[in-house]
C-alpha atoms as a PDB file:
ATOM      1  CA  MET A   1     173.422  82.170 -30.894  1.00  0.00           C
ATOM      2  CA  GLN A   2     174.696  83.525 -34.212  1.00  0.00           C
ATOM      3  CA  LYS A   3     174.040  81.415 -37.295  1.00  0.00           C
ATOM      4  CA  ILE A   4     175.197  81.516 -40.921  1.00  0.00           C
ATOM      5  CA  LEU A   5     172.429  80.311 -43.216  1.00  0.00           C
ATOM      6  CA  ARG A   6     173.077  77.985 -46.129  1.00  0.00           C
ATOM      7  CA  LYS A   7     171.946  80.534 -48.691  1.00  0.00           C
ATOM      8  CA  ASP A   8     174.795  82.783 -47.548  1.00  0.00           C
ATOM      9  CA  ALA A   9     177.384  79.991 -47.494  1.00  0.00           C
ATOM     10  CA  ILE A  10     178.348  80.008 -51.161  1.00  0.00           C
ATOM     11  CA  HIS A  11     181.941  81.215 -51.432  1.00  0.00           C
ATOM     12  CA  TYR A  12     184.524  79.302 -53.451  1.00  0.00           C
ATOM     13  CA  VAL A  13     187.729  81.060 -52.465  1.00  0.00           C
ATOM     14  CA  PHE A  14     189.761  81.791 -49.347  1.00  0.00           C
ATOM     15  CA  ASP A  15     190.009  85.557 -49.797  1.00  0.00           C
ATOM     16  CA  ARG A  16     190.796  88.246 -47.203  1.00  0.00           C
ATOM     17  CA  LYS A  17     188.838  90.851 -49.205  1.00  0.00           C
ATOM     18  CA  VAL A  18     185.453  89.160 -48.703  1.00  0.00           C
ATOM     19  CA  PRO A  19     183.473  90.987 -45.955  1.00  0.00           C
ATOM     20  CA  PRO A  20     182.931  88.852 -42.829  1.00  0.00           C
ATOM     21  CA  LEU A  21     179.520  87.221 -42.502  1.00  0.00           C
ATOM     22  CA  ILE A  22     179.644  87.300 -38.700  1.00  0.00           C
ATOM     23  CA  THR A  23     181.948  88.452 -35.905  1.00  0.00           C
ATOM     24  CA  VAL A  24     182.403  86.189 -32.869  1.00  0.00           C
ATOM     25  CA  ASN A  25     184.295  86.383 -29.608  1.00  0.00           C
ATOM     26  CA  PRO A  26     186.664  83.662 -28.386  1.00  0.00           C
ATOM     27  CA  LYS A  27     184.737  80.778 -26.789  1.00  0.00           C
ATOM     28  CA  GLU A  28     181.450  82.029 -28.282  1.00  0.00           C
ATOM     29  CA  SER A  29     179.585  79.139 -29.891  1.00  0.00           C
ATOM     30  CA  PHE A  30     178.031  79.729 -33.302  1.00  0.00           C
ATOM     31  CA  VAL A  31     176.333  77.645 -35.993  1.00  0.00           C
ATOM     32  CA  VAL A  32     177.085  77.298 -39.697  1.00  0.00           C
ATOM     33  CA  GLU A  33     174.805  75.688 -42.272  1.00  0.00           C
ATOM     34  CA  THR A  34     176.834  74.164 -45.124  1.00  0.00           C
ATOM     35  CA  GLU A  35     176.017  73.192 -48.697  1.00  0.00           C
ATOM     36  CA  ASP A  36     177.345  69.925 -50.141  1.00  0.00           C
ATOM     37  CA  ALA A  37     180.523  69.807 -52.240  1.00  0.00           C
ATOM     38  CA  LEU A  38     178.469  69.612 -55.459  1.00  0.00           C
ATOM     39  CA  SER A  39     176.739  72.916 -54.679  1.00  0.00           C
ATOM     40  CA  GLY A  40     173.370  71.195 -54.267  1.00  0.00           C
ATOM     41  CA  ARG A  41     173.193  70.295 -57.959  1.00  0.00           C
ATOM     42  CA  ILE A  42     172.873  66.506 -57.520  1.00  0.00           C
ATOM     43  CA  ASN A  43     169.833  65.320 -55.546  1.00  0.00           C
ATOM     44  CA  THR A  44     168.683  62.000 -57.032  1.00  0.00           C
ATOM     45  CA  SER A  45     170.293  58.962 -58.653  1.00  0.00           C
ATOM     46  CA  GLU A  46     169.024  60.282 -62.001  1.00  0.00           C
ATOM     47  CA  ASP A  47     171.111  63.461 -61.597  1.00  0.00           C
ATOM     48  CA  LEU A  48     174.322  62.097 -63.070  1.00  0.00           C
ATOM     49  CA  LEU A  49     177.736  63.517 -62.224  1.00  0.00           C
ATOM     50  CA  THR A  50     178.247  65.108 -65.632  1.00  0.00           C
ATOM     51  CA  PRO A  51     179.455  68.590 -66.652  1.00  0.00           C
ATOM     52  CA  GLU A  52     175.943  69.344 -67.921  1.00  0.00           C
ATOM     53  CA  ASN A  53     174.374  68.718 -64.519  1.00  0.00           C
ATOM     54  CA  LEU A  54     177.090  70.611 -62.649  1.00  0.00           C
ATOM     55  CA  ARG A  55     176.877  73.826 -64.672  1.00  0.00           C
ATOM     56  CA  PRO A  56     177.845  76.603 -64.259  1.00  0.00           C
ATOM     57  CA  PHE A  57     180.488  75.305 -61.852  1.00  0.00           C
ATOM     58  CA  SER A  58     181.873  72.740 -64.310  1.00  0.00           C
ATOM     59  CA  GLU A  59     182.632  75.432 -66.891  1.00  0.00           C
ATOM     60  CA  TYR A  60     185.620  76.728 -64.917  1.00  0.00           C
ATOM     61  CA  GLU A  61     189.174  75.365 -64.851  1.00  0.00           C
ATOM     62  CA  PRO A  62     189.772  74.130 -62.269  1.00  0.00           C
ATOM     63  CA  GLU A  63     186.131  73.244 -61.682  1.00  0.00           C
ATOM     64  CA  ILE A  64     184.403  75.145 -58.904  1.00  0.00           C
ATOM     65  CA  ALA A  65     183.379  72.937 -55.970  1.00  0.00           C
ATOM     66  CA  ASN A  66     183.197  72.811 -52.180  1.00  0.00           C
ATOM     67  CA  PRO A  67     181.160  75.933 -51.284  1.00  0.00           C
ATOM     68  CA  LEU A  68     182.343  77.625 -48.107  1.00  0.00           C
ATOM     69  CA  SER A  69     180.779  79.586 -45.270  1.00  0.00           C
ATOM     70  CA  GLY A  70     182.698  82.655 -44.211  1.00  0.00           C
ATOM     71  CA  PRO A  71     184.722  84.496 -43.558  1.00  0.00           C
ATOM     72  CA  ILE A  72     184.126  84.487 -39.816  1.00  0.00           C
ATOM     73  CA  PHE A  73     185.892  87.290 -37.931  1.00  0.00           C
ATOM     74  CA  VAL A  74     187.202  86.286 -34.487  1.00  0.00           C
ATOM     75  CA  THR A  75     187.881  89.209 -32.166  1.00  0.00           C
ATOM     76  CA  GLY A  76     191.288  89.404 -30.545  1.00  0.00           C
ATOM     77  CA  ILE A  77     193.239  87.429 -33.132  1.00  0.00           C
ATOM     78  CA  GLU A  78     195.945  89.083 -35.210  1.00  0.00           C
ATOM     79  CA  LYS A  79     198.441  88.121 -37.871  1.00  0.00           C
ATOM     80  CA  GLY A  80     201.068  85.974 -36.153  1.00  0.00           C
ATOM     81  CA  ASP A  81     198.654  84.241 -33.760  1.00  0.00           C
ATOM     82  CA  VAL A  82     197.188  80.735 -33.901  1.00  0.00           C
ATOM     83  CA  LEU A  83     193.437  80.264 -34.314  1.00  0.00           C
ATOM     84  CA  VAL A  84     192.087  77.179 -32.533  1.00  0.00           C
ATOM     85  CA  VAL A  85     188.738  75.938 -33.869  1.00  0.00           C
ATOM     86  CA  THR A  86     186.804  73.511 -31.669  1.00  0.00           C
ATOM     87  CA  ILE A  87     184.133  71.490 -33.464  1.00  0.00           C
ATOM     88  CA  GLU A  88     181.306  70.924 -31.016  1.00  0.00           C
ATOM     89  CA  GLU A  89     178.723  69.169 -33.186  1.00  0.00           C
ATOM     90  CA  ILE A  90     177.933  68.244 -36.786  1.00  0.00           C
ATOM     91  CA  ILE A  91     174.386  67.310 -37.808  1.00  0.00           C
ATOM     92  CA  PRO A  92     174.258  65.692 -41.278  1.00  0.00           C
ATOM     93  CA  ALA A  93     171.327  66.041 -43.644  1.00  0.00           C
ATOM     94  CA  GLU A  94     168.968  63.140 -44.388  1.00  0.00           C
ATOM     95  CA  LYS A  95     170.966  61.982 -47.391  1.00  0.00           C
ATOM     96  CA  GLY A  96     174.384  62.172 -49.018  1.00  0.00           C
ATOM     97  CA  VAL A  97     175.652  61.918 -52.590  1.00  0.00           C
ATOM     98  CA  THR A  98     178.481  59.823 -54.023  1.00  0.00           C
ATOM     99  CA  GLY A  99     179.204  58.078 -57.303  1.00  0.00           C
ATOM    100  CA  VAL A 100     181.593  58.019 -60.232  1.00  0.00           C
ATOM    101  CA  LYS A 101     182.617  61.126 -62.113  1.00  0.00           C
ATOM    102  CA  PRO A 102     184.399  60.738 -65.479  1.00  0.00           C
ATOM    103  CA  GLY A 103     187.942  62.067 -65.317  1.00  0.00           C
ATOM    104  CA  GLN A 104     188.157  61.900 -61.525  1.00  0.00           C
ATOM    105  CA  GLY A 105     189.326  59.138 -59.195  1.00  0.00           C
ATOM    106  CA  ARG A 106     192.306  56.808 -59.070  1.00  0.00           C
ATOM    107  CA  LEU A 107     190.943  54.441 -61.757  1.00  0.00           C
ATOM    108  CA  TRP A 108     189.561  56.850 -64.320  1.00  0.00           C
ATOM    109  CA  ASP A 109     192.371  56.086 -66.836  1.00  0.00           C
ATOM    110  CA  SER A 110     192.744  52.381 -65.992  1.00  0.00           C
ATOM    111  CA  LYS A 111     192.351  49.999 -68.933  1.00  0.00           C
ATOM    112  CA  LYS A 112     191.561  46.995 -66.766  1.00  0.00           C
ATOM    113  CA  TRP A 113     188.821  48.784 -64.841  1.00  0.00           C
ATOM    114  CA  ALA A 114     187.565  50.982 -67.682  1.00  0.00           C
ATOM    115  CA  SER A 115     184.012  49.714 -67.157  1.00  0.00           C
ATOM    116  CA  ILE A 116     183.819  51.626 -63.866  1.00  0.00           C
ATOM    117  CA  HIS A 117     184.238  54.948 -65.672  1.00  0.00           C
ATOM    118  CA  GLU A 118     182.368  54.207 -68.884  1.00  0.00           C
ATOM    119  CA  LYS A 119     179.656  56.606 -67.806  1.00  0.00           C
ATOM    120  CA  ALA A 120     178.783  58.873 -64.927  1.00  0.00           C
ATOM    121  CA  TYR A 121     177.056  57.254 -61.970  1.00  0.00           C
ATOM    122  CA  THR A 122     175.267  58.743 -58.954  1.00  0.00           C
ATOM    123  CA  HIS A 123     174.474  56.894 -55.738  1.00  0.00           C
ATOM    124  CA  ILE A 124     172.325  58.385 -52.967  1.00  0.00           C
ATOM    125  CA  ILE A 125     173.231  57.350 -49.415  1.00  0.00           C
ATOM    126  CA  HIS A 126     170.216  57.658 -47.141  1.00  0.00           C
ATOM    127  CA  HIS A 127     170.634  58.502 -43.466  1.00  0.00           C
ATOM    128  CA  LYS A 128     168.501  57.598 -40.495  1.00  0.00           C
ATOM    129  CA  PRO A 129     168.658  58.882 -36.901  1.00  0.00           C
ATOM    130  CA  GLY A 130     170.819  57.126 -34.324  1.00  0.00           C
ATOM    131  CA  PRO A 131     170.425  56.500 -30.566  1.00  0.00           C
ATOM    132  CA  SER A 132     170.013  60.219 -29.840  1.00  0.00           C
ATOM    133  CA  ASN A 133     167.097  60.304 -32.295  1.00  0.00           C
ATOM    134  CA  SER A 134     169.073  62.749 -34.434  1.00  0.00           C
ATOM    135  CA  MET A 135     171.495  62.575 -37.349  1.00  0.00           C
ATOM    136  CA  LYS A 136     174.541  63.588 -35.291  1.00  0.00           C
ATOM    137  CA  ASP A 137     174.994  59.901 -34.391  1.00  0.00           C
ATOM    138  CA  GLY A 138     172.952  58.565 -37.310  1.00  0.00           C
ATOM    139  CA  ILE A 139     173.386  55.649 -39.678  1.00  0.00           C
ATOM    140  CA  ALA A 140     174.317  55.668 -43.363  1.00  0.00           C
ATOM    141  CA  ILE A 141     172.279  53.249 -45.505  1.00  0.00           C
ATOM    142  CA  PHE A 142     174.293  52.339 -48.615  1.00  0.00           C
ATOM    143  CA  ASN A 143     171.840  49.637 -49.751  1.00  0.00           C
ATOM    144  CA  GLU A 144     169.654  46.918 -48.236  1.00  0.00           C
ATOM    145  CA  ARG A 145     172.737  44.937 -47.188  1.00  0.00           C
ATOM    146  CA  ILE A 146     175.335  47.542 -46.208  1.00  0.00           C
ATOM    147  CA  SER A 147     175.167  50.290 -43.580  1.00  0.00           C
ATOM    148  CA  TRP A 148     177.484  51.976 -41.086  1.00  0.00           C
ATOM    149  CA  ASP A 149     177.565  54.690 -38.424  1.00  0.00           C
ATOM    150  CA  LEU A 150     177.826  58.211 -39.773  1.00  0.00           C
ATOM    151  CA  ARG A 151     181.143  59.887 -38.948  1.00  0.00           C
ATOM    152  CA  PRO A 152     180.728  63.462 -40.168  1.00  0.00           C
ATOM    153  CA  PHE A 153     183.678  65.817 -40.533  1.00  0.00           C
ATOM    154  CA  ILE A 154     184.612  69.110 -42.208  1.00  0.00           C
ATOM    155  CA  GLY A 155     186.354  68.451 -45.514  1.00  0.00           C
ATOM    156  CA  THR A 156     187.503  72.003 -46.291  1.00  0.00           C
ATOM    157  CA  ILE A 157     188.548  74.477 -43.611  1.00  0.00           C
ATOM    158  CA  GLY A 158     191.070  77.282 -43.328  1.00  0.00           C
ATOM    159  CA  VAL A 159     191.728  80.971 -42.978  1.00  0.00           C
ATOM    160  CA  ALA A 160     192.288  83.621 -45.623  1.00  0.00           C
ATOM    161  CA  PRO A 161     195.925  83.907 -46.731  1.00  0.00           C
ATOM    162  CA  TYR A 162     197.504  87.358 -46.463  1.00  0.00           C
ATOM    163  CA  ILE A 163     197.992  87.984 -50.200  1.00  0.00           C
ATOM    164  CA  GLU A 164     197.017  84.915 -52.219  1.00  0.00           C
ATOM    165  CA  VAL A 165     193.474  83.932 -53.160  1.00  0.00           C
ATOM    166  CA  GLU A 166     193.042  80.144 -53.012  1.00  0.00           C
ATOM    167  CA  THR A 167     190.157  78.028 -54.295  1.00  0.00           C
ATOM    168  CA  SER A 168     188.063  75.731 -52.160  1.00  0.00           C
ATOM    169  CA  ALA A 169     188.350  72.848 -54.655  1.00  0.00           C
ATOM    170  CA  VAL A 170     192.111  72.300 -55.026  1.00  0.00           C
ATOM    171  CA  GLY A 171     193.722  74.914 -52.787  1.00  0.00           C
ATOM    172  CA  GLN A 172     195.841  73.605 -49.890  1.00  0.00           C
ATOM    173  CA  GLY A 173     198.547  75.132 -47.777  1.00  0.00           C
ATOM    174  CA  VAL A 174     199.698  76.303 -44.369  1.00  0.00           C
ATOM    175  CA  TRP A 175     196.536  78.486 -44.208  1.00  0.00           C
ATOM    176  CA  GLY A 176     194.215  75.462 -44.683  1.00  0.00           C
ATOM    177  CA  GLY A 177     192.249  74.091 -47.611  1.00  0.00           C
ATOM    178  CA  ASN A 178     190.594  71.007 -49.030  1.00  0.00           C
ATOM    179  CA  TRP A 179     192.132  68.306 -46.835  1.00  0.00           C
ATOM    180  CA  ASP A 180     189.205  65.846 -46.550  1.00  0.00           C
ATOM    181  CA  CYS A 181     190.564  64.730 -43.193  1.00  0.00           C
ATOM    182  CA  ARG A 182     188.171  62.543 -41.196  1.00  0.00           C
ATOM    183  CA  ASP A 183     189.691  63.749 -37.893  1.00  0.00           C
ATOM    184  CA  ILE A 184     188.407  67.317 -38.368  1.00  0.00           C
ATOM    185  CA  ALA A 185     185.358  66.062 -36.524  1.00  0.00           C
ATOM    186  CA  PRO A 186     183.299  66.741 -33.383  1.00  0.00           C
ATOM    187  CA  GLY A 187     185.547  66.897 -30.341  1.00  0.00           C
ATOM    188  CA  SER A 188     188.639  67.942 -32.300  1.00  0.00           C
ATOM    189  CA  ARG A 189     190.538  71.231 -31.930  1.00  0.00           C
ATOM    190  CA  ILE A 190     192.059  72.470 -35.199  1.00  0.00           C
ATOM    191  CA  HIS A 191     195.123  74.731 -34.922  1.00  0.00           C
ATOM    192  CA  LEU A 192     195.636  77.177 -37.817  1.00  0.00           C
ATOM    193  CA  ASN A 193     198.072  80.041 -38.332  1.00  0.00           C
ATOM    194  CA  SER A 194     196.388  83.434 -38.662  1.00  0.00           C
ATOM    195  CA  PHE A 195     197.519  85.785 -41.438  1.00  0.00           C
ATOM    196  CA  ASN A 196     194.974  88.563 -40.923  1.00  0.00           C
ATOM    197  CA  GLN A 197     193.211  90.476 -38.203  1.00  0.00           C
ATOM    198  CA  GLY A 198     190.201  88.422 -37.127  1.00  0.00           C
ATOM    199  CA  GLY A 199     191.616  85.201 -38.543  1.00  0.00           C
ATOM    200  CA  LEU A 200     188.952  85.166 -41.310  1.00  0.00           C
ATOM    201  CA  LEU A 201     187.840  81.545 -40.952  1.00  0.00           C
ATOM    202  CA  TYR A 202     186.126  79.637 -43.785  1.00  0.00           C
ATOM    203  CA  LEU A 203     184.619  76.130 -43.680  1.00  0.00           C
ATOM    204  CA  GLY A 204     182.436  73.804 -45.753  1.00  0.00           C
ATOM    205  CA  ASP A 205     182.463  70.591 -47.802  1.00  0.00           C
ATOM    206  CA  VAL A 206     181.206  68.418 -44.930  1.00  0.00           C
ATOM    207  CA  HIS A 207     181.276  64.657 -45.447  1.00  0.00           C
ATOM    208  CA  GLY A 208     178.921  62.232 -43.724  1.00  0.00           C
ATOM    209  CA  SER A 209     181.575  59.519 -43.927  1.00  0.00           C
ATOM    210  CA  GLN A 210     184.684  58.681 -45.916  1.00  0.00           C
ATOM    211  CA  GLY A 211     187.157  55.853 -46.329  1.00  0.00           C
ATOM    212  CA  ASP A 212     190.854  56.663 -46.027  1.00  0.00           C
ATOM    213  CA  GLY A 213     192.273  57.972 -49.289  1.00  0.00           C
ATOM    214  CA  GLU A 214     188.868  58.903 -50.771  1.00  0.00           C
ATOM    215  CA  TRP A 215     189.976  56.710 -53.685  1.00  0.00           C
ATOM    216  CA  SER A 216     187.119  57.487 -56.076  1.00  0.00           C
ATOM    217  CA  GLY A 217     187.392  61.223 -55.372  1.00  0.00           C
ATOM    218  CA  ILE A 218     183.830  61.523 -54.024  1.00  0.00           C
ATOM    219  CA  ALA A 219     182.921  60.758 -50.412  1.00  0.00           C
ATOM    220  CA  ASN A 220     179.493  60.819 -48.736  1.00  0.00           C
ATOM    221  CA  GLU A 221     178.920  64.471 -49.697  1.00  0.00           C
ATOM    222  CA  ILE A 222     176.330  66.154 -47.493  1.00  0.00           C
ATOM    223  CA  ARG A 223     174.620  69.307 -46.393  1.00  0.00           C
ATOM    224  CA  SER A 224     175.032  69.854 -42.662  1.00  0.00           C
ATOM    225  CA  GLU A 225     174.732  72.080 -39.652  1.00  0.00           C
ATOM    226  CA  VAL A 226     177.975  72.657 -37.726  1.00  0.00           C
ATOM    227  CA  LYS A 227     178.335  74.095 -34.219  1.00  0.00           C
ATOM    228  CA  LEU A 228     181.770  75.357 -33.199  1.00  0.00           C
ATOM    229  CA  HIS A 229     183.742  77.950 -31.263  1.00  0.00           C
ATOM    230  CA  CYS A 230     187.196  79.513 -31.514  1.00  0.00           C
ATOM    231  CA  ASP A 231     190.104  80.298 -29.208  1.00  0.00           C
ATOM    232  CA  VAL A 232     193.291  82.264 -29.766  1.00  0.00           C
ATOM    233  CA  ILE A 233     196.923  81.470 -28.946  1.00  0.00           C
ATOM    234  CA  LYS A 234     198.835  84.749 -29.066  1.00  0.00           C
ATOM    235  CA  ASN A 235     202.224  85.193 -30.738  1.00  0.00           C
ATOM    236  CA  LYS A 236     202.663  81.635 -31.952  1.00  0.00           C
ATOM    237  CA  LYS A 237     203.472  80.133 -35.350  1.00  0.00           C
ATOM    238  CA  ILE A 238     203.212  76.470 -36.320  1.00  0.00           C
ATOM    239  CA  PRO A 239     204.641  74.729 -39.412  1.00  0.00           C
ATOM    240  CA  TYR A 240     201.253  73.450 -40.637  1.00  0.00           C
ATOM    241  CA  ALA A 241     197.771  72.683 -39.325  1.00  0.00           C
ATOM    242  CA  ARG A 242     197.513  70.554 -36.204  1.00  0.00           C
ATOM    243  CA  ILE A 243     194.629  68.575 -34.712  1.00  0.00           C
ATOM    244  CA  GLU A 244     194.258  67.942 -31.004  1.00  0.00           C
ATOM    245  CA  LYS A 245     191.855  65.115 -30.170  1.00  0.00           C
ATOM    246  CA  GLU A 246     190.834  64.014 -26.699  1.00  0.00           C
ATOM    247  CA  ASP A 247     193.392  61.214 -26.667  1.00  0.00           C
ATOM    248  CA  SER A 248     195.924  62.025 -29.411  1.00  0.00           C
ATOM    249  CA  LEU A 249     197.866  64.654 -31.339  1.00  0.00           C
ATOM    250  CA  ILE A 250     197.838  64.783 -35.155  1.00  0.00           C
ATOM    251  CA  SER A 251     200.125  66.808 -37.408  1.00  0.00           C
ATOM    252  CA  LEU A 252     198.688  67.329 -40.894  1.00  0.00           C
ATOM    253  CA  TYR A 253     200.512  67.871 -44.158  1.00  0.00           C
ATOM    254  CA  ALA A 254     199.483  67.906 -47.813  1.00  0.00           C
ATOM    255  CA  ASP A 255     202.111  67.308 -50.493  1.00  0.00           C
ATOM    256  CA  ARG A 256     203.207  65.123 -53.393  1.00  0.00           C
ATOM    257  CA  PRO A 257     204.663  62.545 -53.551  1.00  0.00           C
ATOM    258  CA  LEU A 258     202.979  60.810 -50.638  1.00  0.00           C
ATOM    259  CA  GLU A 259     206.256  60.107 -48.821  1.00  0.00           C
ATOM    260  CA  ALA A 260     207.030  63.844 -48.781  1.00  0.00           C
ATOM    261  CA  ALA A 261     203.754  64.523 -46.967  1.00  0.00           C
ATOM    262  CA  VAL A 262     204.449  61.685 -44.519  1.00  0.00           C
ATOM    263  CA  ASN A 263     207.957  62.895 -43.717  1.00  0.00           C
ATOM    264  CA  LYS A 264     206.850  66.504 -43.146  1.00  0.00           C
ATOM    265  CA  ALA A 265     203.893  65.478 -40.976  1.00  0.00           C
ATOM    266  CA  MET A 266     206.144  63.279 -38.830  1.00  0.00           C
ATOM    267  CA  THR A 267     208.805  65.985 -38.493  1.00  0.00           C
ATOM    268  CA  ASP A 268     206.193  68.517 -37.353  1.00  0.00           C
ATOM    269  CA  LEU A 269     204.738  66.045 -34.865  1.00  0.00           C
ATOM    270  CA  LEU A 270     208.196  65.469 -33.393  1.00  0.00           C
ATOM    271  CA  GLU A 271     208.657  69.240 -33.042  1.00  0.00           C
ATOM    272  CA  TRP A 272     205.218  69.615 -31.426  1.00  0.00           C
ATOM    273  CA  ILE A 273     205.924  66.926 -28.818  1.00  0.00           C
ATOM    274  CA  VAL A 274     209.430  68.174 -28.056  1.00  0.00           C
ATOM    275  CA  ASP A 275     208.333  71.816 -27.673  1.00  0.00           C
ATOM    276  CA  ASP A 276     205.064  71.324 -25.775  1.00  0.00           C
ATOM    277  CA  TYR A 277     205.866  68.233 -23.707  1.00  0.00           C
ATOM    278  CA  SER A 278     209.619  68.766 -23.107  1.00  0.00           C
ATOM    279  CA  MET A 279     210.500  65.283 -24.314  1.00  0.00           C
ATOM    280  CA  ASP A 280     213.908  64.266 -25.622  1.00  0.00           C
ATOM    281  CA  PRO A 281     213.895  64.426 -29.462  1.00  0.00           C
ATOM    282  CA  ARG A 282     215.857  61.175 -29.778  1.00  0.00           C
ATOM    283  CA  GLU A 283     213.331  59.414 -27.549  1.00  0.00           C
ATOM    284  CA  VAL A 284     210.408  60.685 -29.645  1.00  0.00           C
ATOM    285  CA  TYR A 285     212.205  59.747 -32.864  1.00  0.00           C
ATOM    286  CA  ILE A 286     212.604  56.167 -31.630  1.00  0.00           C
ATOM    287  CA  LEU A 287     209.056  56.006 -30.260  1.00  0.00           C
ATOM    288  CA  PHE A 288     207.689  56.683 -33.742  1.00  0.00           C
ATOM    289  CA  SER A 289     209.391  53.478 -34.880  1.00  0.00           C
ATOM    290  CA  VAL A 290     208.668  51.180 -31.949  1.00  0.00           C
ATOM    291  CA  ASN A 291     205.330  52.267 -30.457  1.00  0.00           C
ATOM    292  CA  PRO A 292     202.562  50.188 -32.089  1.00  0.00           C
ATOM    293  CA  TYR A 293     199.980  52.920 -31.453  1.00  0.00           C
ATOM    294  CA  PHE A 294     201.750  55.515 -33.619  1.00  0.00           C
ATOM    295  CA  ARG A 295     199.791  55.992 -36.856  1.00  0.00           C
ATOM    296  CA  ILE A 296     200.206  57.477 -40.331  1.00  0.00           C
ATOM    297  CA  ASN A 297     196.727  58.303 -41.634  1.00  0.00           C
ATOM    298  CA  VAL A 298     196.328  58.721 -45.393  1.00  0.00           C
ATOM    299  CA  TYR A 299     193.202  60.857 -45.462  1.00  0.00           C
ATOM    300  CA  GLN A 300     193.057  62.001 -49.078  1.00  0.00           C
ATOM    301  CA  MET A 301     194.891  60.668 -52.128  1.00  0.00           C
ATOM    302  CA  VAL A 302     192.600  61.978 -54.844  1.00  0.00           C
ATOM    303  CA  LYS A 303     193.718  62.118 -58.459  1.00  0.00           C
ATOM    304  CA  ALA A 304     192.322  65.506 -59.465  1.00  0.00           C
ATOM    305  CA  GLY A 305     194.237  68.477 -60.817  1.00  0.00           C
ATOM    306  CA  LYS A 306     197.000  69.877 -58.635  1.00  0.00           C
ATOM    307  CA  ILE A 307     195.507  68.694 -55.344  1.00  0.00           C
ATOM    308  CA  ASN A 308     198.066  67.197 -52.956  1.00  0.00           C
ATOM    309  CA  TYR A 309     197.786  64.107 -50.800  1.00  0.00           C
ATOM    310  CA  THR A 310     196.764  64.718 -47.184  1.00  0.00           C
ATOM    311  CA  VAL A 311     198.286  62.690 -44.362  1.00  0.00           C
ATOM    312  CA  GLY A 312     198.316  62.913 -40.586  1.00  0.00           C
ATOM    313  CA  ALA A 313     200.981  61.664 -38.176  1.00  0.00           C
ATOM    314  CA  GLU A 314     199.181  60.663 -34.968  1.00  0.00           C
ATOM    315  CA  PHE A 315     200.547  59.848 -31.511  1.00  0.00           C
ATOM    316  CA  PRO A 316     198.546  58.996 -28.343  1.00  0.00           C
ATOM    317  CA  LYS A 317     198.684  61.478 -25.461  1.00  0.00           C
ATOM    318  CA  ARG A 318     199.004  58.717 -22.866  1.00  0.00           C
ATOM    319  CA  PHE A 319     202.646  58.188 -23.842  1.00  0.00           C
ATOM    320  CA  LEU A 320     203.559  61.875 -23.454  1.00  0.00           C
ATOM    321  CA  GLN A 321     205.222  63.176 -20.322  1.00  0.00           C
END
């Protein structure tokens, strides 16, 4: 099985001119080792989240973050196709990093809560194996009182745009980007438009767990090992990225203000259901308002540079014809 090593997984742009690290066939499983979003610079609680400790990455504007593996060339995919990425497994490292970074997060300029951001703060989240005796179903230990099940997911994923070069820290668009969406997780199938031969897939910035909104701007940032495979849908174009879970469909969108992202995600979900399940658009429109299992997920609402807010409109498959 082909594998991309962590030492080779240090790209910070989605760029079609970067030579592929590996070439895979559709349905061929492969493994990617990822670095954490802080480029491995923060390893203990004494390593504070300051520009000094994050150099040289902090010296850029916008700051460089979220190292990526890729590009990965998928045979048989062309511009104008859809690349479908199935996440088979994510194995988190033995610890994750979070904390408070001055100038980042929803409260960094709050007068009432100024004490939170008076100085940089780093918190190490330790992980222990779960029932499988591995980290893929492990437990996050926040402190002696608080713990939870790890729920790892890929925070930044996408393909190379055709002309533009986008950064892994704040870039987002129809090609992919830094979405920090907790549903890009094992068992999910991510649908992405392809703009180049081979698709040119990039991924990284894996989180061990995250609360909706990622309010502080820093989740449980981890190194990981990801196993996945790709499929191709020929001659198809979608409005934005889509996620197919075992029991639901999710249309993603990233935009500002938040209601713009919500409206576009819902409109795309309606189109998806009407086109693929031959349902009446008026019926779907009403179902979004009356079905109590319809959800609007606010995945990322980080206050950092130009980054947009990521939402997902989700509808259960059991109600589809």
